[in-house]
Structures are given as structure tokens and as C-alpha cells.
C-alpha atoms as a PDB file:
ATOM      1  CA  UNK A   1     -20.120 -34.847 101.185  1.00  0.00           C
ATOM      2  CA  UNK A   2     -17.900 -36.549  98.586  1.00  0.00           C
ATOM      3  CA  UNK A   3     -15.891 -39.720  99.249  1.00  0.00           C
ATOM      4  CA  UNK A   4     -12.996 -40.830  97.059  1.00  0.00           C
ATOM      5  CA  UNK A   5     -11.931 -44.466  97.365  1.00  0.00           C
ATOM      6  CA  UNK A   6      -8.329 -45.598  96.879  1.00  0.00           C
ATOM      7  CA  UNK A   7      -7.468 -42.040  97.864  1.00  0.00           C
ATOM      8  CA  UNK A   8      -3.821 -42.817  98.574  1.00  0.00           C
ATOM      9  CA  UNK A   9      -3.393 -44.201  95.064  1.00  0.00           C
ATOM     10  CA  UNK A  10      -1.874 -42.295  92.177  1.00  0.00           C
ATOM     11  CA  UNK A  11      -5.208 -41.253  90.667  1.00  0.00           C
ATOM     12  CA  UNK A  12      -7.003 -40.701  93.967  1.00  0.00           C
ATOM     13  CA  UNK A  13      -4.441 -38.273  95.351  1.00  0.00           C
ATOM     14  CA  UNK A  14      -4.721 -36.040  92.287  1.00  0.00           C
ATOM     15  CA  UNK A  15      -8.523 -36.127  92.394  1.00  0.00           C
ATOM     16  CA  UNK A  16      -8.447 -35.078  96.048  1.00  0.00           C
ATOM     17  CA  UNK A  17      -6.099 -32.204  95.308  1.00  0.00           C
ATOM     18  CA  UNK A  18      -8.509 -30.877  92.678  1.00  0.00           C
ATOM     19  CA  UNK A  19     -11.523 -31.377  94.946  1.00  0.00           C
ATOM     20  CA  UNK A  20      -9.981 -29.307  97.735  1.00  0.00           C
ATOM     21  CA  UNK A  21      -9.889 -26.387  95.284  1.00  0.00           C
ATOM     22  CA  UNK A  22     -13.590 -26.758  94.532  1.00  0.00           C
ATOM     23  CA  UNK A  23     -15.304 -27.645  97.826  1.00  0.00           C
ATOM     24  CA  UNK A  24     -14.427 -27.218 101.520  1.00  0.00           C
ATOM     25  CA  UNK A  25     -11.930 -29.862 102.622  1.00  0.00           C
ATOM     26  CA  UNK A  26     -14.124 -30.969 105.532  1.00  0.00           C
ATOM     27  CA  UNK A  27     -16.757 -32.039 102.986  1.00  0.00           C
ATOM     28  CA  UNK A  28     -14.354 -34.547 101.421  1.00  0.00           C
ATOM     29  CA  UNK A  29     -13.709 -38.090 102.646  1.00  0.00           C
ATOM     30  CA  UNK A  30     -10.468 -39.824 101.716  1.00  0.00           C
ATOM     31  CA  UNK A  31     -11.466 -43.495 101.855  1.00  0.00           C
ATOM     32  CA  UNK A  32      -8.277 -45.535 102.191  1.00  0.00           C
ATOM     33  CA  UNK A  33      -7.249 -49.073 103.024  1.00  0.00           C
ATOM     34  CA  UNK A  34      -4.376 -47.982 105.275  1.00  0.00           C
ATOM     35  CA  UNK A  35      -4.995 -44.763 107.186  1.00  0.00           C
ATOM     36  CA  UNK A  36      -1.328 -44.645 108.234  1.00  0.00           C
ATOM     37  CA  UNK A  37      -0.452 -43.807 104.631  1.00  0.00           C
ATOM     38  CA  UNK A  38      -2.856 -40.871 104.501  1.00  0.00           C
ATOM     39  CA  UNK A  39      -1.203 -38.363 106.839  1.00  0.00           C
ATOM     40  CA  UNK A  40      -0.582 -35.961 103.966  1.00  0.00           C
ATOM     41  CA  UNK A  41      -4.252 -36.157 103.003  1.00  0.00           C
ATOM     42  CA  UNK A  42      -5.360 -35.453 106.560  1.00  0.00           C
ATOM     43  CA  UNK A  43      -3.084 -32.406 106.481  1.00  0.00           C
ATOM     44  CA  UNK A  44      -5.237 -31.052 103.656  1.00  0.00           C
ATOM     45  CA  UNK A  45      -8.148 -30.989 106.083  1.00  0.00           C
ATOM     46  CA  UNK A  46     -10.128 -33.838 104.535  1.00  0.00           C
ATOM     47  CA  UNK A  47     -11.669 -36.623 106.597  1.00  0.00           C
ATOM     48  CA  UNK A  48      -9.679 -39.860 106.416  1.00  0.00           C
ATOM     49  CA  UNK A  49     -11.685 -43.060 106.830  1.00  0.00           C
ATOM     50  CA  UNK A  50     -10.694 -46.696 106.531  1.00  0.00           C
ATOM     51  CA  UNK A  51     -12.200 -48.389 103.467  1.00  0.00           C
ATOM     52  CA  UNK A  52     -10.930 -51.824 102.464  1.00  0.00           C
ATOM     53  CA  UNK A  53     -12.546 -53.335  99.360  1.00  0.00           C
ATOM     54  CA  UNK A  54     -12.123 -56.792 100.918  1.00  0.00           C
ATOM     55  CA  UNK A  55     -13.827 -55.804 104.200  1.00  0.00           C
ATOM     56  CA  UNK A  56     -17.345 -54.590 103.403  1.00  0.00           C
ATOM     57  CA  UNK A  57     -18.037 -53.375 106.932  1.00  0.00           C
ATOM     58  CA  UNK A  58     -15.303 -50.745 106.573  1.00  0.00           C
ATOM     59  CA  UNK A  59     -16.875 -49.543 103.337  1.00  0.00           C
ATOM     60  CA  UNK A  60     -20.281 -48.970 104.917  1.00  0.00           C
ATOM     61  CA  UNK A  61     -18.695 -46.970 107.735  1.00  0.00           C
ATOM     62  CA  UNK A  62     -16.616 -44.949 105.262  1.00  0.00           C
ATOM     63  CA  UNK A  63     -19.656 -44.086 103.145  1.00  0.00           C
ATOM     64  CA  UNK A  64     -21.992 -43.181 106.020  1.00  0.00           C
ATOM     65  CA  UNK A  65     -23.195 -39.599 105.665  1.00  0.00           C
ATOM     66  CA  UNK A  66     -21.729 -39.337 102.167  1.00  0.00           C
ATOM     67  CA  UNK A  67     -23.791 -38.060  99.233  1.00  0.00           C
ATOM     68  CA  UNK A  68     -21.405 -38.954  96.387  1.00  0.00           C
ATOM     69  CA  UNK A  69     -18.800 -41.709  96.057  1.00  0.00           C
ATOM     70  CA  UNK A  70     -16.041 -41.846  93.472  1.00  0.00           C
ATOM     71  CA  UNK A  71     -15.293 -45.554  93.189  1.00  0.00           C
ATOM     72  CA  UNK A  72     -11.782 -45.779  91.788  1.00  0.00           C
ATOM     73  CA  UNK A  73     -11.291 -49.238  90.366  1.00  0.00           C
ATOM     74  CA  UNK A  74      -9.117 -51.613  92.355  1.00  0.00           C
ATOM     75  CA  UNK A  75      -5.654 -52.546  91.036  1.00  0.00           C
ATOM     76  CA  UNK A  76      -6.186 -56.185  92.074  1.00  0.00           C
ATOM     77  CA  UNK A  77      -6.751 -57.652  88.606  1.00  0.00           C
ATOM     78  CA  UNK A  78      -8.545 -60.977  88.947  1.00  0.00           C
ATOM     79  CA  UNK A  79     -10.309 -60.004  92.188  1.00  0.00           C
ATOM     80  CA  UNK A  80     -11.837 -56.686  91.252  1.00  0.00           C
ATOM     81  CA  UNK A  81     -15.394 -57.736  90.462  1.00  0.00           C
ATOM     82  CA  UNK A  82     -16.082 -58.908  94.012  1.00  0.00           C
ATOM     83  CA  UNK A  83     -14.263 -55.923  95.481  1.00  0.00           C
ATOM     84  CA  UNK A  84     -16.280 -53.497  93.388  1.00  0.00           C
ATOM     85  CA  UNK A  85     -19.520 -55.284  94.226  1.00  0.00           C
ATOM     86  CA  UNK A  86     -18.646 -54.913  97.904  1.00  0.00           C
ATOM     87  CA  UNK A  87     -18.274 -51.170  97.389  1.00  0.00           C
ATOM     88  CA  UNK A  88     -21.534 -50.827  95.451  1.00  0.00           C
ATOM     89  CA  UNK A  89     -23.470 -52.774  98.096  1.00  0.00           C
ATOM     90  CA  UNK A  90     -21.913 -50.614 100.806  1.00  0.00           C
ATOM     91  CA  UNK A  91     -23.010 -47.501  98.927  1.00  0.00           C
ATOM     92  CA  UNK A  92     -26.552 -48.861  98.867  1.00  0.00           C
ATOM     93  CA  UNK A  93     -26.477 -49.681 102.576  1.00  0.00           C
ATOM     94  CA  UNK A  94     -25.080 -46.241 103.438  1.00  0.00           C
ATOM     95  CA  UNK A  95     -27.786 -44.533 101.355  1.00  0.00           C
ATOM     96  CA  UNK A  96     -25.298 -42.913  98.995  1.00  0.00           C
ATOM     97  CA  UNK A  97     -27.107 -40.773  96.415  1.00  0.00           C
ATOM     98  CA  UNK A  98     -24.645 -40.917  93.523  1.00  0.00           C
ATOM     99  CA  UNK A  99     -21.888 -43.339  92.513  1.00  0.00           C
ATOM    100  CA  UNK A 100     -19.191 -42.377  89.997  1.00  0.00           C
ATOM    101  CA  UNK A 101     -17.003 -45.231  88.742  1.00  0.00           C
ATOM    102  CA  UNK A 102     -13.669 -45.195  86.899  1.00  0.00           C
ATOM    103  CA  UNK A 103     -13.948 -47.807  84.172  1.00  0.00           C
ATOM    104  CA  UNK A 104     -12.067 -48.576  80.935  1.00  0.00           C
ATOM    105  CA  UNK A 105     -12.356 -46.955  77.512  1.00  0.00           C
ATOM    106  CA  UNK A 106     -15.122 -48.674  75.507  1.00  0.00           C
ATOM    107  CA  UNK A 107     -15.467 -51.281  78.253  1.00  0.00           C
ATOM    108  CA  UNK A 108     -18.657 -52.588  76.657  1.00  0.00           C
ATOM    109  CA  UNK A 109     -16.805 -53.812  73.560  1.00  0.00           C
ATOM    110  CA  UNK A 110     -13.134 -53.755  74.505  1.00  0.00           C
ATOM    111  CA  UNK A 111     -11.038 -56.855  73.763  1.00  0.00           C
ATOM    112  CA  UNK A 112      -8.534 -56.082  76.511  1.00  0.00           C
ATOM    113  CA  UNK A 113      -9.076 -59.435  78.168  1.00  0.00           C
ATOM    114  CA  UNK A 114      -9.685 -59.641  81.892  1.00  0.00           C
ATOM    115  CA  UNK A 115      -9.111 -55.891  82.259  1.00  0.00           C
ATOM    116  CA  UNK A 116     -12.185 -55.163  80.158  1.00  0.00           C
ATOM    117  CA  UNK A 117     -14.282 -58.052  81.449  1.00  0.00           C
ATOM    118  CA  UNK A 118     -13.955 -56.992  85.079  1.00  0.00           C
ATOM    119  CA  UNK A 119     -15.048 -53.469  84.190  1.00  0.00           C
ATOM    120  CA  UNK A 120     -17.971 -54.793  82.128  1.00  0.00           C
ATOM    121  CA  UNK A 121     -19.212 -56.878  85.028  1.00  0.00           C
ATOM    122  CA  UNK A 122     -18.808 -53.974  87.442  1.00  0.00           C
ATOM    123  CA  UNK A 123     -20.694 -51.592  85.158  1.00  0.00           C
ATOM    124  CA  UNK A 124     -23.593 -54.041  84.847  1.00  0.00           C
ATOM    125  CA  UNK A 125     -23.734 -54.414  88.627  1.00  0.00           C
ATOM    126  CA  UNK A 126     -23.779 -50.648  89.123  1.00  0.00           C
ATOM    127  CA  UNK A 127     -26.545 -50.113  86.565  1.00  0.00           C
ATOM    128  CA  UNK A 128     -28.626 -52.879  88.171  1.00  0.00           C
ATOM    129  CA  UNK A 129     -28.061 -51.499  91.687  1.00  0.00           C
ATOM    130  CA  UNK A 130     -30.621 -48.729  91.362  1.00  0.00           C
ATOM    131  CA  UNK A 131     -28.088 -46.105  92.419  1.00  0.00           C
ATOM    132  CA  UNK A 132     -27.690 -42.900  90.469  1.00  0.00           C
ATOM    133  CA  UNK A 133     -24.460 -43.436  88.585  1.00  0.00           C
ATOM    134  CA  UNK A 134     -21.930 -41.980  86.182  1.00  0.00           C
ATOM    135  CA  UNK A 135     -19.330 -44.095  84.396  1.00  0.00           C
ATOM    136  CA  UNK A 136     -15.956 -42.562  83.556  1.00  0.00           C
ATOM    137  CA  UNK A 137     -14.401 -44.885  80.995  1.00  0.00           C
ATOM    138  CA  UNK A 138     -10.794 -43.814  81.272  1.00  0.00           C
ATOM    139  CA  UNK A 139      -8.428 -44.415  78.396  1.00  0.00           C
ATOM    140  CA  UNK A 140      -4.794 -45.400  78.753  1.00  0.00           C
ATOM    141  CA  UNK A 141      -2.592 -43.448  81.131  1.00  0.00           C
ATOM    142  CA  UNK A 142       0.669 -42.170  79.639  1.00  0.00           C
ATOM    143  CA  UNK A 143       2.280 -43.169  82.933  1.00  0.00           C
ATOM    144  CA  UNK A 144       1.661 -46.809  81.994  1.00  0.00           C
ATOM    145  CA  UNK A 145       4.657 -46.469  79.684  1.00  0.00           C
ATOM    146  CA  UNK A 146       7.051 -45.378  82.429  1.00  0.00           C
ATOM    147  CA  UNK A 147       8.564 -48.872  82.883  1.00  0.00           C
ATOM    148  CA  UNK A 148       9.354 -49.080  79.159  1.00  0.00           C
ATOM    149  CA  UNK A 149      10.888 -45.769  78.207  1.00  0.00           C
ATOM    150  CA  UNK A 150      14.308 -46.021  79.829  1.00  0.00           C
ATOM    151  CA  UNK A 151      14.791 -49.613  78.665  1.00  0.00           C
ATOM    152  CA  UNK A 152      13.827 -48.620  75.123  1.00  0.00           C
ATOM    153  CA  UNK A 153      16.326 -45.765  75.103  1.00  0.00           C
ATOM    154  CA  UNK A 154      19.051 -47.907  76.662  1.00  0.00           C
ATOM    155  CA  UNK A 155      18.630 -50.744  74.160  1.00  0.00           C
ATOM    156  CA  UNK A 156      17.740 -48.589  71.168  1.00  0.00           C
ATOM    157  CA  UNK A 157      14.606 -50.569  70.449  1.00  0.00           C
ATOM    158  CA  UNK A 158      10.977 -50.534  71.516  1.00  0.00           C
ATOM    159  CA  UNK A 159       9.433 -53.949  71.033  1.00  0.00           C
ATOM    160  CA  UNK A 160       5.682 -54.425  70.749  1.00  0.00           C
ATOM    161  CA  UNK A 161       2.800 -56.124  69.035  1.00  0.00           C
ATOM    162  CA  UNK A 162       0.480 -53.196  68.416  1.00  0.00           C
ATOM    163  CA  UNK A 163       1.279 -52.645  64.735  1.00  0.00           C
ATOM    164  CA  UNK A 164      -0.505 -49.543  63.468  1.00  0.00           C
ATOM    165  CA  UNK A 165      -2.983 -49.521  66.343  1.00  0.00           C
ATOM    166  CA  UNK A 166      -3.745 -45.996  67.512  1.00  0.00           C
ATOM    167  CA  UNK A 167      -3.532 -45.087  71.194  1.00  0.00           C
ATOM    168  CA  UNK A 168      -5.308 -41.980  72.491  1.00  0.00           C
ATOM    169  CA  UNK A 169      -3.576 -41.781  75.852  1.00  0.00           C
ATOM    170  CA  UNK A 170      -3.463 -38.876  78.287  1.00  0.00           C
ATOM    171  CA  UNK A 171      -1.625 -38.297  81.563  1.00  0.00           C
ATOM    172  CA  UNK A 172      -3.309 -39.457  84.740  1.00  0.00           C
ATOM    173  CA  UNK A 173      -3.692 -35.855  85.874  1.00  0.00           C
ATOM    174  CA  UNK A 174      -6.104 -35.091  83.015  1.00  0.00           C
ATOM    175  CA  UNK A 175      -8.407 -37.955  83.995  1.00  0.00           C
ATOM    176  CA  UNK A 176      -8.222 -36.942  87.663  1.00  0.00           C
ATOM    177  CA  UNK A 177      -9.130 -33.340  86.897  1.00  0.00           C
ATOM    178  CA  UNK A 178     -12.094 -34.489  84.796  1.00  0.00           C
ATOM    179  CA  UNK A 179     -13.302 -36.704  87.647  1.00  0.00           C
ATOM    180  CA  UNK A 180     -13.170 -33.766  90.060  1.00  0.00           C
ATOM    181  CA  UNK A 181     -15.141 -31.637  87.610  1.00  0.00           C
ATOM    182  CA  UNK A 182     -17.822 -34.313  87.247  1.00  0.00           C
ATOM    183  CA  UNK A 183     -18.062 -34.724  91.020  1.00  0.00           C
ATOM    184  CA  UNK A 184     -18.654 -31.016  91.564  1.00  0.00           C
ATOM    185  CA  UNK A 185     -20.924 -30.067  88.652  1.00  0.00           C
ATOM    186  CA  UNK A 186     -24.414 -31.032  87.529  1.00  0.00           C
ATOM    187  CA  UNK A 187     -25.795 -32.911  84.552  1.00  0.00           C
ATOM    188  CA  UNK A 188     -23.777 -36.121  84.736  1.00  0.00           C
ATOM    189  CA  UNK A 189     -26.153 -38.650  86.301  1.00  0.00           C
ATOM    190  CA  UNK A 190     -26.802 -41.588  83.989  1.00  0.00           C
ATOM    191  CA  UNK A 191     -23.971 -40.587  81.648  1.00  0.00           C
ATOM    192  CA  UNK A 192     -21.215 -42.854  80.354  1.00  0.00           C
ATOM    193  CA  UNK A 193     -18.146 -40.894  79.261  1.00  0.00           C
ATOM    194  CA  UNK A 194     -15.515 -42.274  76.871  1.00  0.00           C
ATOM    195  CA  UNK A 195     -12.393 -40.422  77.994  1.00  0.00           C
ATOM    196  CA  UNK A 196      -9.209 -40.296  75.943  1.00  0.00           C
ATOM    197  CA  UNK A 197      -6.519 -37.920  74.747  1.00  0.00           C
ATOM    198  CA  UNK A 198      -7.206 -35.595  71.834  1.00  0.00           C
ATOM    199  CA  UNK A 199      -4.122 -36.834  69.981  1.00  0.00           C
ATOM    200  CA  UNK A 200      -3.426 -40.460  69.108  1.00  0.00           C
ATOM    201  CA  UNK A 201      -0.133 -42.166  68.347  1.00  0.00           C
ATOM    202  CA  UNK A 202       1.178 -45.521  67.223  1.00  0.00           C
ATOM    203  CA  UNK A 203       4.077 -47.151  69.003  1.00  0.00           C
ATOM    204  CA  UNK A 204       6.231 -46.338  65.975  1.00  0.00           C
ATOM    205  CA  UNK A 205       5.344 -42.679  66.595  1.00  0.00           C
ATOM    206  CA  UNK A 206       6.195 -43.197  70.256  1.00  0.00           C
ATOM    207  CA  UNK A 207       9.638 -44.602  69.391  1.00  0.00           C
ATOM    208  CA  UNK A 208      10.321 -41.744  66.978  1.00  0.00           C
ATOM    209  CA  UNK A 209       9.450 -39.203  69.659  1.00  0.00           C
ATOM    210  CA  UNK A 210      11.726 -40.982  72.132  1.00  0.00           C
ATOM    211  CA  UNK A 211      14.513 -40.633  69.578  1.00  0.00           C
ATOM    212  CA  UNK A 212      13.808 -36.924  69.132  1.00  0.00           C
ATOM    213  CA  UNK A 213      13.668 -36.223  72.860  1.00  0.00           C
ATOM    214  CA  UNK A 214      16.803 -38.153  73.788  1.00  0.00           C
ATOM    215  CA  UNK A 215      18.933 -37.714  70.684  1.00  0.00           C
ATOM    216  CA  UNK A 216      19.388 -41.484  70.607  1.00  0.00           C
ATOM    217  CA  UNK A 217      18.002 -43.794  67.951  1.00  0.00           C
ATOM    218  CA  UNK A 218      15.049 -45.821  69.212  1.00  0.00           C
ATOM    219  CA  UNK A 219      13.457 -48.102  66.620  1.00  0.00           C
ATOM    220  CA  UNK A 220      10.079 -49.768  66.930  1.00  0.00           C
ATOM    221  CA  UNK A 221      10.157 -53.501  66.248  1.00  0.00           C
ATOM    222  CA  UNK A 222       6.933 -55.413  65.709  1.00  0.00           C
ATOM    223  CA  UNK A 223       7.050 -58.753  67.511  1.00  0.00           C
ATOM    224  CA  UNK A 224       4.970 -61.856  68.021  1.00  0.00           C
ATOM    225  CA  UNK A 225       3.300 -62.415  71.373  1.00  0.00           C
ATOM    226  CA  UNK A 226       6.064 -64.783  72.502  1.00  0.00           C
ATOM    227  CA  UNK A 227       8.803 -62.414  71.359  1.00  0.00           C
ATOM    228  CA  UNK A 228       7.179 -59.525  73.161  1.00  0.00           C
ATOM    229  CA  UNK A 229       6.834 -61.575  76.345  1.00  0.00           C
ATOM    230  CA  UNK A 230      10.520 -62.467  76.242  1.00  0.00           C
ATOM    231  CA  UNK A 231      11.473 -58.829  75.697  1.00  0.00           C
ATOM    232  CA  UNK A 232       9.414 -57.678  78.670  1.00  0.00           C
ATOM    233  CA  UNK A 233      11.005 -60.321  80.882  1.00  0.00           C
ATOM    234  CA  UNK A 234      14.443 -59.206  79.658  1.00  0.00           C
ATOM    235  CA  UNK A 235      13.780 -55.640  80.826  1.00  0.00           C
ATOM    236  CA  UNK A 236      12.573 -56.724  84.255  1.00  0.00           C
ATOM    237  CA  UNK A 237       8.894 -57.667  84.124  1.00  0.00           C
ATOM    238  CA  UNK A 238       7.726 -60.799  85.979  1.00  0.00           C
ATOM    239  CA  UNK A 239       6.688 -63.399  83.411  1.00  0.00           C
ATOM    240  CA  UNK A 240       2.962 -63.497  84.393  1.00  0.00           C
ATOM    241  CA  UNK A 241       2.731 -59.716  83.978  1.00  0.00           C
ATOM    242  CA  UNK A 242       4.679 -59.898  80.727  1.00  0.00           C
ATOM    243  CA  UNK A 243       2.224 -62.446  79.339  1.00  0.00           C
ATOM    244  CA  UNK A 244      -0.720 -60.259  80.344  1.00  0.00           C
ATOM    245  CA  UNK A 245       0.766 -57.265  78.538  1.00  0.00           C
ATOM    246  CA  UNK A 246       1.476 -59.396  75.478  1.00  0.00           C
ATOM    247  CA  UNK A 247      -2.139 -60.556  75.359  1.00  0.00           C
ATOM    248  CA  UNK A 248      -3.298 -56.941  75.409  1.00  0.00           C
ATOM    249  CA  UNK A 249      -1.176 -55.961  72.418  1.00  0.00           C
ATOM    250  CA  UNK A 250      -3.481 -57.667  69.916  1.00  0.00           C
ATOM    251  CA  UNK A 251      -6.444 -55.622  71.130  1.00  0.00           C
ATOM    252  CA  UNK A 252      -4.424 -52.414  70.982  1.00  0.00           C
ATOM    253  CA  UNK A 253      -3.490 -53.275  67.390  1.00  0.00           C
ATOM    254  CA  UNK A 254      -7.226 -53.169  66.636  1.00  0.00           C
ATOM    255  CA  UNK A 255      -7.604 -49.623  68.023  1.00  0.00           C
ATOM    256  CA  UNK A 256      -9.133 -50.675  71.345  1.00  0.00           C
ATOM    257  CA  UNK A 257      -7.297 -47.781  73.036  1.00  0.00           C
ATOM    258  CA  UNK A 258      -8.413 -45.245  70.437  1.00  0.00           C
ATOM    259  CA  UNK A 259     -11.244 -42.744  70.679  1.00  0.00           C
ATOM    260  CA  UNK A 260     -11.696 -39.434  68.891  1.00  0.00           C
ATOM    261  CA  UNK A 261     -14.874 -38.137  70.539  1.00  0.00           C
ATOM    262  CA  UNK A 262     -12.929 -35.581  72.611  1.00  0.00           C
ATOM    263  CA  UNK A 263     -15.207 -36.077  75.593  1.00  0.00           C
ATOM    264  CA  UNK A 264     -12.281 -35.674  77.978  1.00  0.00           C
ATOM    265  CA  UNK A 265     -11.264 -32.287  76.609  1.00  0.00           C
ATOM    266  CA  UNK A 266     -14.891 -31.130  76.657  1.00  0.00           C
ATOM    267  CA  UNK A 267     -15.165 -32.002  80.347  1.00  0.00           C
ATOM    268  CA  UNK A 268     -11.870 -30.254  81.046  1.00  0.00           C
ATOM    269  CA  UNK A 269     -12.787 -27.179  79.023  1.00  0.00           C
ATOM    270  CA  UNK A 270      -9.365 -27.303  77.384  1.00  0.00           C
ATOM    271  CA  UNK A 271      -7.337 -29.581  75.098  1.00  0.00           C
ATOM    272  CA  UNK A 272      -5.902 -32.646  76.770  1.00  0.00           C
ATOM    273  CA  UNK A 273      -2.188 -32.634  77.522  1.00  0.00           C
ATOM    274  CA  UNK A 274      -0.345 -33.718  74.385  1.00  0.00           C
ATOM    275  CA  UNK A 275       1.181 -37.169  74.475  1.00  0.00           C
ATOM    276  CA  UNK A 276       4.504 -35.666  73.420  1.00  0.00           C
ATOM    277  CA  UNK A 277       4.555 -33.347  76.425  1.00  0.00           C
ATOM    278  CA  UNK A 278       3.518 -36.222  78.680  1.00  0.00           C
ATOM    279  CA  UNK A 279       6.288 -38.424  77.280  1.00  0.00           C
ATOM    280  CA  UNK A 280       8.849 -35.690  77.887  1.00  0.00           C
ATOM    281  CA  UNK A 281       7.652 -35.492  81.495  1.00  0.00           C
ATOM    282  CA  UNK A 282       7.959 -39.264  81.840  1.00  0.00           C
ATOM    283  CA  UNK A 283      11.570 -39.121  80.705  1.00  0.00           C
ATOM    284  CA  UNK A 284      12.332 -36.466  83.302  1.00  0.00           C
ATOM    285  CA  UNK A 285      10.719 -38.454  86.100  1.00  0.00           C
ATOM    286  CA  UNK A 286      12.003 -41.983  85.385  1.00  0.00           C
END
């Protein structure tokens, strides 16, 4: 039996959809914080179980009888280490045989601040747990740019601090499909996968493609951290979130979101979705 945590989240739902095409639905557990939000998952025939990262007892119950757990990282930046440790301990207590964790690209050396540090600490805890494990170090999701694209087109400018930093992003669906493949095939225990898109872009490339797709001029403007923070606030981001994004830009400028190993496409057995196609889809859906 395979359990997927955070199964009502954006990544988890796609993973579950792929899993139902590979294994019987009754062998899949959708582990969710709020079961009321999982009616559509139950309709697929999967088991829905409560699993709250902040309530360890629910995690043990959710993992009971499960062979494999996909631990999708929590969105609660600043609290994730404890939440993930709760899940790992629950997997131990429930006698789970294999834990697969969604981490961050090059988490061991990434300079992406607290985002990277929380993943580093979680990875160390998993390795020390004695559980069989696989680490999926996911690169940047193209969907992370959804809040920016319309504002950039509207104002004719995309502001950032990434310079010539290369970003090998892919749509969330590619990472989800790869996770489902790993969960249902052999040879992955003990592996750490660096997952990223086959094609990389700079934010200047991104702005140029926005211009091409919309027929409107969108220029990329390099900005200082303070300037970038102010721009994000001006397009609707809360200031604390804007400052976090600004702090990440310096790491991105140093290629911390770049990887050319093509491990994601090898897992998929096909090229990753091009960033241009993913950007076009974002424009249609935002």
C-alpha cells in the first residue's frame, strides 16, 4: 500500500491521479489534514485518512498498514522541520518500509535560505532514521511564477534580482509524474535525484517570451533587493513574503535553480515539458 501525504495539495492531487493509473485505487492512501476536502479523492476509490503534520498520532494511524509513504514537504515555511520529523517518526512507528521525500534541488549546497535549510535538516533526519528512503530534490515549479506574469504584462516590466542566473524549471505535473513512477518501480532505494527541467532560462528570457506570447512589450529590469521587495509589494505581495522572495534572488543569480543532469526526463522516459509551453499554459490559466 502507498500513502501520499498532503494529498489535497497541488502536487499531491496530481501524484494520486498518476498512481491510480498504475496500481489499484484501494491500495492507495490519501493522507490529508482535512478529510472534508478530499471527497473528490475518495471518489477515485482511494482510502482517505486524516494525517496532520502537527498531530503525530494522526500520522501513525494514517501510515498503519502502509508499505511506502510519499512525504510531500509541508508548505509551512519556518515550521517544517518539526512537522517532517513528526512524519518520519510516525513512519518508523507504523513500520513503513520505504519513505520517499520531496526535497529541493541541490538541497545539500543550496543558498536558498530557510527553504534549503529546512530541507537539509529533514534529509539528515531521514537518512539517520534507518528507514529505506529516496530523496526527490525537486527544482522550481513553473507555477511559482503565476503571481508575476499578469502583473508583468500589465506594467510592461518584470523586475528581479537574478541577473544571468539560469533556472531549470518544469511544471508541477512533471515532478508529480516522476514521483508516481518512482513509487511504482524498483531500483530507487537509497537514491537522491536532482530533478529539473531539460531547458533553462534567465528572467530576461522569461520576459522576452512573455512579450512574444502576449504581443506586448515586457522588459526585464535588474533591481536591488530593496527595489525588488518594493515591486513585489506594489503588485500585491505581503511585505514579509516579498522580502523572502528578494532574499532568494541572490541565490538564483548564482545558478542555485539550475541543473543539467536531465535526471527528471530520464525518470519520465521523455523530455520535460518546455518552459515556453508551461509559460503559455500559465498565461491561459491566470
